[in-house]
Amino acid sequence: MNENMNNIKNQKIGALIVMEIVKKLFPEIILIHAHADNNTFYYEFGVKKPLSNEDIAVIKSHVNLYASKISSIQQYRIKKEDAFWLFRSEPVKLIQLSENRSRAPKICQINEFYDLCEESLEIDPSNRFHIVNIQGKIPMQEIGNLPWIKQRIYGSVRI
């Protein structure tokens, strides 16, 4: 596999780690999606009120402690109706599932948290993840007719 693809996959894993930390700390926040490129990632969330600088600092304090301990991401396909049940409290994920033509969407799981993901994400046990430059930004967009605004948390994975 080429180096750029590995970098993008590592960034995507970083986004999923941030997703898990945010959902543990702020369970009322909804999941929207992860984005990764060669050097950075972000996870976009739906928030009723923006995360404060203090909230971002708490997220930062948890991220690398957790990232250094992660050893695997479970990935599997499940029946679409099971995916609807799994994401029943995530309205944007339900919309994404409705638009997905697959009868068996691929799920990524880190501990008790799940996300939709089509790519294969494998963690090289010899690598230690370190996530840098965690920032929260608000694109200030409403999410359709839903009562949330989007907030992104950006970062970058270094190995």
N, C-alpha and C. Protein backbone atom coordinates (compact mmCIF):
# COMPACT_ATOMS: atom_id res chain seq x y z
N MET A 1 0.86 -1.17 0.00
CA MET A 1 0.00 0.00 0.00
C MET A 1 0.90 1.23 0.00
N ASN A 2 0.50 2.26 -0.76
CA ASN A 2 1.37 3.42 -0.83
C ASN A 2 1.29 4.27 0.44
N GLU A 3 2.31 5.10 0.62
CA GLU A 3 2.43 5.88 1.85
C GLU A 3 1.27 6.85 2.04
N ASN A 4 0.79 7.47 0.94
CA ASN A 4 -0.34 8.40 1.06
C ASN A 4 -1.58 7.70 1.59
N MET A 5 -1.87 6.49 1.12
CA MET A 5 -3.04 5.77 1.61
C MET A 5 -2.88 5.43 3.09
N ASN A 6 -1.68 5.03 3.50
CA ASN A 6 -1.45 4.77 4.93
C ASN A 6 -1.66 6.02 5.75
N ASN A 7 -1.16 7.17 5.26
CA ASN A 7 -1.34 8.42 5.99
C ASN A 7 -2.82 8.77 6.13
N ILE A 8 -3.57 8.61 5.06
CA ILE A 8 -5.01 8.92 5.10
C ILE A 8 -5.72 7.98 6.07
N LYS A 9 -5.39 6.71 6.04
CA LYS A 9 -6.01 5.76 6.98
C LYS A 9 -5.66 6.10 8.42
N ASN A 10 -4.41 6.48 8.67
CA ASN A 10 -4.03 6.87 10.03
C ASN A 10 -4.79 8.12 10.48
N GLN A 11 -4.98 9.07 9.58
CA GLN A 11 -5.75 10.28 9.92
C GLN A 11 -7.20 9.90 10.22
N LYS A 12 -7.77 8.97 9.44
CA LYS A 12 -9.15 8.54 9.68
C LYS A 12 -9.27 7.85 11.05
N ILE A 13 -8.27 7.06 11.41
CA ILE A 13 -8.28 6.44 12.73
C ILE A 13 -8.23 7.53 13.80
N GLY A 14 -7.43 8.56 13.58
CA GLY A 14 -7.40 9.69 14.52
C GLY A 14 -8.77 10.32 14.69
N ALA A 15 -9.49 10.49 13.58
CA ALA A 15 -10.84 11.06 13.65
C ALA A 15 -11.77 10.16 14.47
N LEU A 16 -11.64 8.85 14.29
CA LEU A 16 -12.49 7.93 15.05
C LEU A 16 -12.14 7.93 16.54
N ILE A 17 -10.86 8.10 16.86
CA ILE A 17 -10.46 8.20 18.27
C ILE A 17 -11.09 9.45 18.89
N VAL A 18 -11.02 10.58 18.17
CA VAL A 18 -11.64 11.81 18.68
C VAL A 18 -13.14 11.61 18.83
N MET A 19 -13.77 10.94 17.87
CA MET A 19 -15.21 10.66 17.95
C MET A 19 -15.54 9.92 19.23
N GLU A 20 -14.75 8.89 19.55
CA GLU A 20 -15.04 8.12 20.75
C GLU A 20 -14.88 8.98 22.01
N ILE A 21 -13.82 9.75 22.09
CA ILE A 21 -13.59 10.59 23.28
C ILE A 21 -14.73 11.59 23.44
N VAL A 22 -15.12 12.24 22.34
CA VAL A 22 -16.20 13.24 22.41
C VAL A 22 -17.50 12.58 22.86
N LYS A 23 -17.83 11.41 22.33
CA LYS A 23 -19.08 10.74 22.73
C LYS A 23 -19.03 10.28 24.18
N LYS A 24 -17.85 9.91 24.68
CA LYS A 24 -17.74 9.55 26.09
C LYS A 24 -17.95 10.76 26.99
N LEU A 25 -17.36 11.87 26.61
CA LEU A 25 -17.42 13.08 27.44
C LEU A 25 -18.73 13.84 27.28
N PHE A 26 -19.31 13.81 26.07
CA PHE A 26 -20.50 14.59 25.75
C PHE A 26 -21.50 13.71 24.99
N PRO A 27 -22.16 12.78 25.67
CA PRO A 27 -23.01 11.80 24.98
C PRO A 27 -24.18 12.42 24.22
N GLU A 28 -24.57 13.64 24.55
CA GLU A 28 -25.69 14.28 23.87
C GLU A 28 -25.34 14.78 22.46
N ILE A 29 -24.06 14.88 22.16
CA ILE A 29 -23.61 15.34 20.84
C ILE A 29 -23.90 14.25 19.82
N ILE A 30 -24.32 14.66 18.61
CA ILE A 30 -24.60 13.67 17.57
C ILE A 30 -23.43 13.59 16.59
N LEU A 31 -23.30 12.43 15.98
CA LEU A 31 -22.24 12.18 15.01
C LEU A 31 -22.69 12.60 13.62
N ILE A 32 -21.79 13.23 12.88
CA ILE A 32 -22.09 13.54 11.48
C ILE A 32 -21.16 12.73 10.59
N HIS A 33 -19.89 13.11 10.51
CA HIS A 33 -18.97 12.29 9.71
C HIS A 33 -17.51 12.65 9.99
N ALA A 34 -16.65 11.73 9.55
CA ALA A 34 -15.20 11.92 9.64
C ALA A 34 -14.67 12.27 8.26
N HIS A 35 -13.65 13.09 8.25
CA HIS A 35 -12.95 13.41 7.00
C HIS A 35 -11.46 13.30 7.28
N ALA A 36 -10.72 12.76 6.33
CA ALA A 36 -9.27 12.65 6.48
C ALA A 36 -8.60 12.89 5.14
N ASP A 37 -7.46 13.57 5.20
CA ASP A 37 -6.60 13.67 4.04
C ASP A 37 -5.20 13.22 4.46
N ASN A 38 -4.22 13.52 3.68
CA ASN A 38 -2.87 13.02 3.92
C ASN A 38 -2.25 13.53 5.23
N ASN A 39 -2.65 14.72 5.68
CA ASN A 39 -1.98 15.33 6.83
C ASN A 39 -2.88 15.66 8.01
N THR A 40 -4.18 15.70 7.82
CA THR A 40 -5.08 16.13 8.87
C THR A 40 -6.38 15.33 8.85
N PHE A 41 -7.16 15.54 9.89
CA PHE A 41 -8.50 14.96 9.94
C PHE A 41 -9.42 15.95 10.64
N TYR A 42 -10.71 15.72 10.48
CA TYR A 42 -11.67 16.33 11.38
C TYR A 42 -12.84 15.38 11.54
N TYR A 43 -13.51 15.50 12.67
CA TYR A 43 -14.78 14.84 12.86
C TYR A 43 -15.80 15.94 13.06
N GLU A 44 -16.89 15.83 12.34
CA GLU A 44 -17.94 16.84 12.42
C GLU A 44 -19.06 16.29 13.30
N PHE A 45 -19.46 17.12 14.25
CA PHE A 45 -20.49 16.75 15.21
C PHE A 45 -21.66 17.72 15.11
N GLY A 46 -22.81 17.30 15.60
CA GLY A 46 -23.96 18.18 15.77
C GLY A 46 -24.05 18.56 17.24
N VAL A 47 -24.05 19.86 17.51
CA VAL A 47 -24.09 20.34 18.89
C VAL A 47 -25.25 21.30 19.05
N LYS A 48 -25.85 21.30 20.22
CA LYS A 48 -26.91 22.29 20.50
C LYS A 48 -26.29 23.61 20.92
N LYS A 49 -25.15 23.52 21.60
CA LYS A 49 -24.37 24.73 21.90
C LYS A 49 -22.91 24.38 21.64
N PRO A 50 -22.16 25.30 21.06
CA PRO A 50 -20.77 25.00 20.70
C PRO A 50 -19.93 24.59 21.90
N LEU A 51 -19.00 23.69 21.64
CA LEU A 51 -18.04 23.31 22.67
C LEU A 51 -17.17 24.52 22.98
N SER A 52 -16.90 24.73 24.25
CA SER A 52 -16.08 25.86 24.67
C SER A 52 -14.59 25.50 24.55
N ASN A 53 -13.74 26.50 24.72
CA ASN A 53 -12.30 26.24 24.75
C ASN A 53 -11.95 25.29 25.88
N GLU A 54 -12.66 25.41 26.99
CA GLU A 54 -12.42 24.50 28.12
C GLU A 54 -12.81 23.06 27.75
N ASP A 55 -13.92 22.90 27.02
CA ASP A 55 -14.33 21.57 26.56
C ASP A 55 -13.27 20.97 25.64
N ILE A 56 -12.76 21.77 24.72
CA ILE A 56 -11.72 21.30 23.78
C ILE A 56 -10.47 20.90 24.57
N ALA A 57 -10.12 21.66 25.61
CA ALA A 57 -8.96 21.32 26.44
C ALA A 57 -9.17 19.97 27.13
N VAL A 58 -10.37 19.69 27.59
CA VAL A 58 -10.66 18.40 28.22
C VAL A 58 -10.52 17.28 27.19
N ILE A 59 -11.04 17.50 25.99
CA ILE A 59 -10.91 16.50 24.92
C ILE A 59 -9.43 16.24 24.65
N LYS A 60 -8.64 17.31 24.50
CA LYS A 60 -7.20 17.16 24.24
C LYS A 60 -6.53 16.33 25.34
N SER A 61 -6.92 16.57 26.59
CA SER A 61 -6.27 15.87 27.69
C SER A 61 -6.54 14.37 27.66
N HIS A 62 -7.64 13.95 27.07
CA HIS A 62 -7.99 12.53 27.01
C HIS A 62 -7.47 11.83 25.75
N VAL A 63 -7.31 12.59 24.67
CA VAL A 63 -7.06 11.98 23.37
C VAL A 63 -5.78 11.16 23.32
N ASN A 64 -4.65 11.72 23.69
CA ASN A 64 -3.40 10.98 23.51
C ASN A 64 -3.22 9.87 24.52
N LEU A 65 -3.77 10.03 25.70
CA LEU A 65 -3.75 8.93 26.65
C LEU A 65 -4.46 7.72 26.04
N TYR A 66 -5.62 7.98 25.47
CA TYR A 66 -6.38 6.90 24.84
C TYR A 66 -5.71 6.40 23.57
N ALA A 67 -5.24 7.33 22.72
CA ALA A 67 -4.66 6.95 21.43
C ALA A 67 -3.46 6.02 21.60
N SER A 68 -2.69 6.22 22.65
CA SER A 68 -1.51 5.37 22.86
C SER A 68 -1.89 3.95 23.26
N LYS A 69 -3.13 3.73 23.69
CA LYS A 69 -3.57 2.41 24.15
C LYS A 69 -4.37 1.64 23.11
N ILE A 70 -4.83 2.30 22.06
CA ILE A 70 -5.70 1.61 21.10
C ILE A 70 -4.90 0.57 20.31
N SER A 71 -5.44 -0.61 20.19
CA SER A 71 -4.72 -1.67 19.48
C SER A 71 -5.48 -2.19 18.27
N SER A 72 -6.78 -1.93 18.21
CA SER A 72 -7.52 -2.42 17.04
C SER A 72 -8.84 -1.67 16.88
N ILE A 73 -9.30 -1.72 15.66
CA ILE A 73 -10.63 -1.23 15.32
C ILE A 73 -11.35 -2.42 14.70
N GLN A 74 -12.48 -2.77 15.26
CA GLN A 74 -13.27 -3.86 14.71
C GLN A 74 -14.04 -3.33 13.50
N GLN A 75 -14.07 -4.11 12.45
CA GLN A 75 -14.83 -3.72 11.26
C GLN A 75 -15.60 -4.92 10.75
N TYR A 76 -16.84 -4.66 10.39
CA TYR A 76 -17.67 -5.74 9.87
C TYR A 76 -18.88 -5.15 9.16
N ARG A 77 -19.52 -5.98 8.38
CA ARG A 77 -20.75 -5.59 7.70
C ARG A 77 -21.93 -6.14 8.49
N ILE A 78 -22.98 -5.34 8.57
CA ILE A 78 -24.19 -5.80 9.24
C ILE A 78 -25.38 -5.51 8.33
N LYS A 79 -26.47 -6.19 8.59
CA LYS A 79 -27.70 -5.94 7.83
C LYS A 79 -28.13 -4.50 8.04
N LYS A 80 -28.69 -3.94 6.99
CA LYS A 80 -29.08 -2.53 7.05
C LYS A 80 -30.07 -2.28 8.19
N GLU A 81 -31.02 -3.18 8.39
CA GLU A 81 -31.99 -2.96 9.47
C GLU A 81 -31.31 -2.98 10.84
N ASP A 82 -30.24 -3.79 10.98
CA ASP A 82 -29.48 -3.79 12.23
C ASP A 82 -28.70 -2.49 12.41
N ALA A 83 -28.21 -1.95 11.29
CA ALA A 83 -27.51 -0.66 11.35
C ALA A 83 -28.47 0.45 11.76
N PHE A 84 -29.71 0.42 11.27
CA PHE A 84 -30.69 1.41 11.70
C PHE A 84 -30.92 1.33 13.20
N TRP A 85 -30.98 0.13 13.73
CA TRP A 85 -31.16 -0.02 15.18
C TRP A 85 -29.92 0.50 15.93
N LEU A 86 -28.73 0.14 15.44
CA LEU A 86 -27.48 0.54 16.09
C LEU A 86 -27.36 2.07 16.17
N PHE A 87 -27.77 2.77 15.12
CA PHE A 87 -27.64 4.23 15.06
C PHE A 87 -28.97 4.94 15.36
N ARG A 88 -29.85 4.27 16.07
CA ARG A 88 -31.19 4.82 16.34
C ARG A 88 -31.18 6.17 17.04
N SER A 89 -30.13 6.49 17.79
CA SER A 89 -30.06 7.79 18.47
C SER A 89 -29.15 8.78 17.75
N GLU A 90 -28.79 8.46 16.51
CA GLU A 90 -27.92 9.33 15.71
C GLU A 90 -28.67 9.73 14.43
N PRO A 91 -29.44 10.83 14.47
CA PRO A 91 -30.30 11.17 13.33
C PRO A 91 -29.58 11.36 12.00
N VAL A 92 -28.38 11.91 12.01
CA VAL A 92 -27.66 12.11 10.75
C VAL A 92 -27.18 10.77 10.21
N LYS A 93 -26.76 9.86 11.07
CA LYS A 93 -26.36 8.52 10.62
C LYS A 93 -27.55 7.79 10.01
N LEU A 94 -28.75 8.00 10.56
CA LEU A 94 -29.95 7.38 9.99
C LEU A 94 -30.21 7.90 8.58
N ILE A 95 -30.00 9.19 8.37
CA ILE A 95 -30.14 9.77 7.02
C ILE A 95 -29.10 9.16 6.09
N GLN A 96 -27.84 9.06 6.56
CA GLN A 96 -26.78 8.47 5.74
C GLN A 96 -27.10 7.03 5.37
N LEU A 97 -27.64 6.27 6.32
CA LEU A 97 -28.03 4.89 6.04
C LEU A 97 -29.15 4.84 5.00
N SER A 98 -30.11 5.75 5.10
CA SER A 98 -31.22 5.78 4.14
C SER A 98 -30.72 6.02 2.73
N GLU A 99 -29.66 6.82 2.63
CA GLU A 99 -29.11 7.16 1.31
C GLU A 99 -28.12 6.11 0.81
N ASN A 100 -27.68 5.21 1.67
CA ASN A 100 -26.71 4.18 1.33
C ASN A 100 -27.42 3.03 0.62
N ARG A 101 -26.93 2.66 -0.55
CA ARG A 101 -27.57 1.59 -1.34
C ARG A 101 -27.19 0.19 -0.88
N SER A 102 -26.18 0.09 -0.06
CA SER A 102 -25.71 -1.22 0.39
C SER A 102 -26.74 -1.86 1.32
N ARG A 103 -26.92 -3.16 1.14
CA ARG A 103 -27.81 -3.90 2.03
C ARG A 103 -27.09 -4.28 3.32
N ALA A 104 -25.74 -4.16 3.29
CA ALA A 104 -24.94 -4.52 4.46
C ALA A 104 -23.83 -3.47 4.63
N PRO A 105 -24.16 -2.34 5.26
CA PRO A 105 -23.13 -1.30 5.42
C PRO A 105 -22.00 -1.77 6.33
N LYS A 106 -20.82 -1.20 6.09
CA LYS A 106 -19.65 -1.54 6.90
C LYS A 106 -19.59 -0.62 8.11
N ILE A 107 -19.35 -1.24 9.25
CA ILE A 107 -19.32 -0.55 10.54
C ILE A 107 -17.90 -0.64 11.11
N CYS A 108 -17.43 0.46 11.68
CA CYS A 108 -16.19 0.47 12.46
C CYS A 108 -16.60 0.58 13.92
N GLN A 109 -15.92 -0.17 14.76
CA GLN A 109 -16.22 -0.13 16.19
C GLN A 109 -14.94 0.06 16.98
N ILE A 110 -14.96 1.07 17.86
CA ILE A 110 -13.90 1.26 18.85
C ILE A 110 -14.61 1.16 20.19
N ASN A 111 -14.28 0.12 20.94
CA ASN A 111 -14.95 -0.15 22.21
C ASN A 111 -16.46 -0.18 21.98
N GLU A 112 -17.24 0.64 22.70
CA GLU A 112 -18.69 0.59 22.53
C GLU A 112 -19.22 1.63 21.54
N PHE A 113 -18.35 2.29 20.79
CA PHE A 113 -18.77 3.33 19.85
C PHE A 113 -18.61 2.86 18.41
N TYR A 114 -19.57 3.28 17.58
CA TYR A 114 -19.64 2.81 16.20
C TYR A 114 -19.69 3.98 15.24
N ASP A 115 -19.23 3.71 14.01
CA ASP A 115 -19.37 4.67 12.93
C ASP A 115 -19.52 3.89 11.63
N LEU A 116 -20.04 4.55 10.62
CA LEU A 116 -20.09 3.98 9.29
C LEU A 116 -18.73 4.22 8.64
N CYS A 117 -18.18 3.21 7.99
CA CYS A 117 -16.92 3.41 7.27
C CYS A 117 -16.80 2.34 6.20
N GLU A 118 -16.46 2.75 5.02
CA GLU A 118 -16.33 1.79 3.93
C GLU A 118 -14.89 1.32 3.73
N GLU A 119 -13.92 2.12 4.15
CA GLU A 119 -12.53 1.74 3.96
C GLU A 119 -12.07 0.77 5.04
N SER A 120 -11.02 0.02 4.74
CA SER A 120 -10.42 -0.86 5.73
C SER A 120 -9.44 -0.06 6.56
N LEU A 121 -9.56 -0.16 7.86
CA LEU A 121 -8.69 0.57 8.78
C LEU A 121 -7.99 -0.42 9.69
N GLU A 122 -6.70 -0.55 9.52
CA GLU A 122 -5.94 -1.47 10.34
C GLU A 122 -4.89 -0.69 11.11
N ILE A 123 -4.69 -1.06 12.34
CA ILE A 123 -3.69 -0.41 13.17
C ILE A 123 -2.45 -1.28 13.21
N ASP A 124 -1.34 -0.70 12.85
CA ASP A 124 -0.05 -1.39 12.94
C ASP A 124 0.38 -1.35 14.41
N PRO A 125 0.47 -2.50 15.07
CA PRO A 125 0.78 -2.50 16.50
C PRO A 125 2.14 -1.89 16.83
N SER A 126 3.02 -1.77 15.83
CA SER A 126 4.33 -1.17 16.10
C SER A 126 4.25 0.36 16.14
N ASN A 127 3.14 0.91 15.67
CA ASN A 127 2.98 2.37 15.66
C ASN A 127 2.32 2.85 16.94
N ARG A 128 2.77 3.97 17.44
CA ARG A 128 2.10 4.64 18.56
C ARG A 128 1.49 5.91 18.01
N PHE A 129 0.20 6.04 18.15
CA PHE A 129 -0.50 7.21 17.66
C PHE A 129 -0.29 8.38 18.60
N HIS A 130 -0.04 9.52 18.04
CA HIS A 130 0.00 10.77 18.80
C HIS A 130 -0.80 11.78 17.99
N ILE A 131 -1.81 12.35 18.59
CA ILE A 131 -2.68 13.29 17.88
C ILE A 131 -2.32 14.70 18.33
N VAL A 132 -2.04 15.54 17.37
CA VAL A 132 -1.61 16.92 17.66
C VAL A 132 -2.59 17.91 17.07
N ASN A 133 -2.46 19.13 17.49
CA ASN A 133 -3.23 20.25 16.93
C ASN A 133 -4.73 20.08 17.02
N ILE A 134 -5.23 19.60 18.16
CA ILE A 134 -6.67 19.47 18.34
C ILE A 134 -7.27 20.88 18.46
N GLN A 135 -8.26 21.17 17.63
CA GLN A 135 -8.94 22.47 17.66
C GLN A 135 -10.42 22.25 17.38
N GLY A 136 -11.24 23.09 17.94
CA GLY A 136 -12.66 23.07 17.62
C GLY A 136 -13.01 24.28 16.78
N LYS A 137 -13.74 24.06 15.69
CA LYS A 137 -14.18 25.17 14.83
C LYS A 137 -15.65 24.96 14.50
N ILE A 138 -16.33 26.07 14.33
CA ILE A 138 -17.76 26.01 14.05
C ILE A 138 -18.01 26.59 12.66
N PRO A 139 -18.39 25.74 11.70
CA PRO A 139 -18.74 26.27 10.39
C PRO A 139 -20.06 27.05 10.39
N MET A 140 -20.80 26.98 11.53
CA MET A 140 -22.06 27.72 11.69
C MET A 140 -23.10 27.37 10.63
N GLN A 141 -23.32 26.12 10.44
CA GLN A 141 -24.37 25.67 9.54
C GLN A 141 -25.37 24.88 10.35
N GLU A 142 -26.62 25.11 10.06
CA GLU A 142 -27.63 24.25 10.67
C GLU A 142 -27.66 22.93 9.92
N ILE A 143 -28.15 21.92 10.56
CA ILE A 143 -28.22 20.59 9.96
C ILE A 143 -29.66 20.35 9.52
N GLY A 144 -29.94 20.70 8.28
CA GLY A 144 -31.30 20.51 7.77
C GLY A 144 -32.32 21.14 8.69
N ASN A 145 -33.35 20.38 9.03
CA ASN A 145 -34.39 20.85 9.95
C ASN A 145 -34.10 20.44 11.40
N LEU A 146 -32.92 19.91 11.64
CA LEU A 146 -32.59 19.42 12.98
C LEU A 146 -32.10 20.58 13.85
N PRO A 147 -32.30 20.49 15.17
CA PRO A 147 -31.98 21.62 16.05
C PRO A 147 -30.52 21.68 16.49
N TRP A 148 -29.58 21.34 15.62
CA TRP A 148 -28.17 21.37 15.95
C TRP A 148 -27.42 22.24 14.96
N ILE A 149 -26.24 22.66 15.38
CA ILE A 149 -25.30 23.29 14.46
C ILE A 149 -24.09 22.36 14.35
N LYS A 150 -23.35 22.50 13.27
CA LYS A 150 -22.18 21.66 13.07
C LYS A 150 -20.97 22.25 13.78
N GLN A 151 -20.20 21.38 14.39
CA GLN A 151 -18.91 21.78 14.95
C GLN A 151 -17.90 20.72 14.57
N ARG A 152 -16.76 21.17 14.10
CA ARG A 152 -15.70 20.25 13.72
C ARG A 152 -14.59 20.28 14.76
N ILE A 153 -14.01 19.11 14.98
CA ILE A 153 -12.80 19.03 15.77
C ILE A 153 -11.72 18.50 14.85
N TYR A 154 -10.71 19.33 14.68
CA TYR A 154 -9.58 19.03 13.77
C TYR A 154 -8.40 18.49 14.54
N GLY A 155 -7.58 17.74 13.86
CA GLY A 155 -6.34 17.27 14.45
C GLY A 155 -5.45 16.68 13.38
N SER A 156 -4.34 16.14 13.80
CA SER A 156 -3.38 15.51 12.90
C SER A 156 -2.71 14.37 13.65
N VAL A 157 -2.56 13.25 12.99
CA VAL A 157 -1.91 12.08 13.60
C VAL A 157 -0.44 12.09 13.24
N ARG A 158 0.38 11.86 14.22
CA ARG A 158 1.82 11.66 14.02
C ARG A 158 2.18 10.31 14.60
N ILE A 159 3.00 9.58 13.88
CA ILE A 159 3.42 8.25 14.34
C ILE A 159 4.91 8.27 14.59
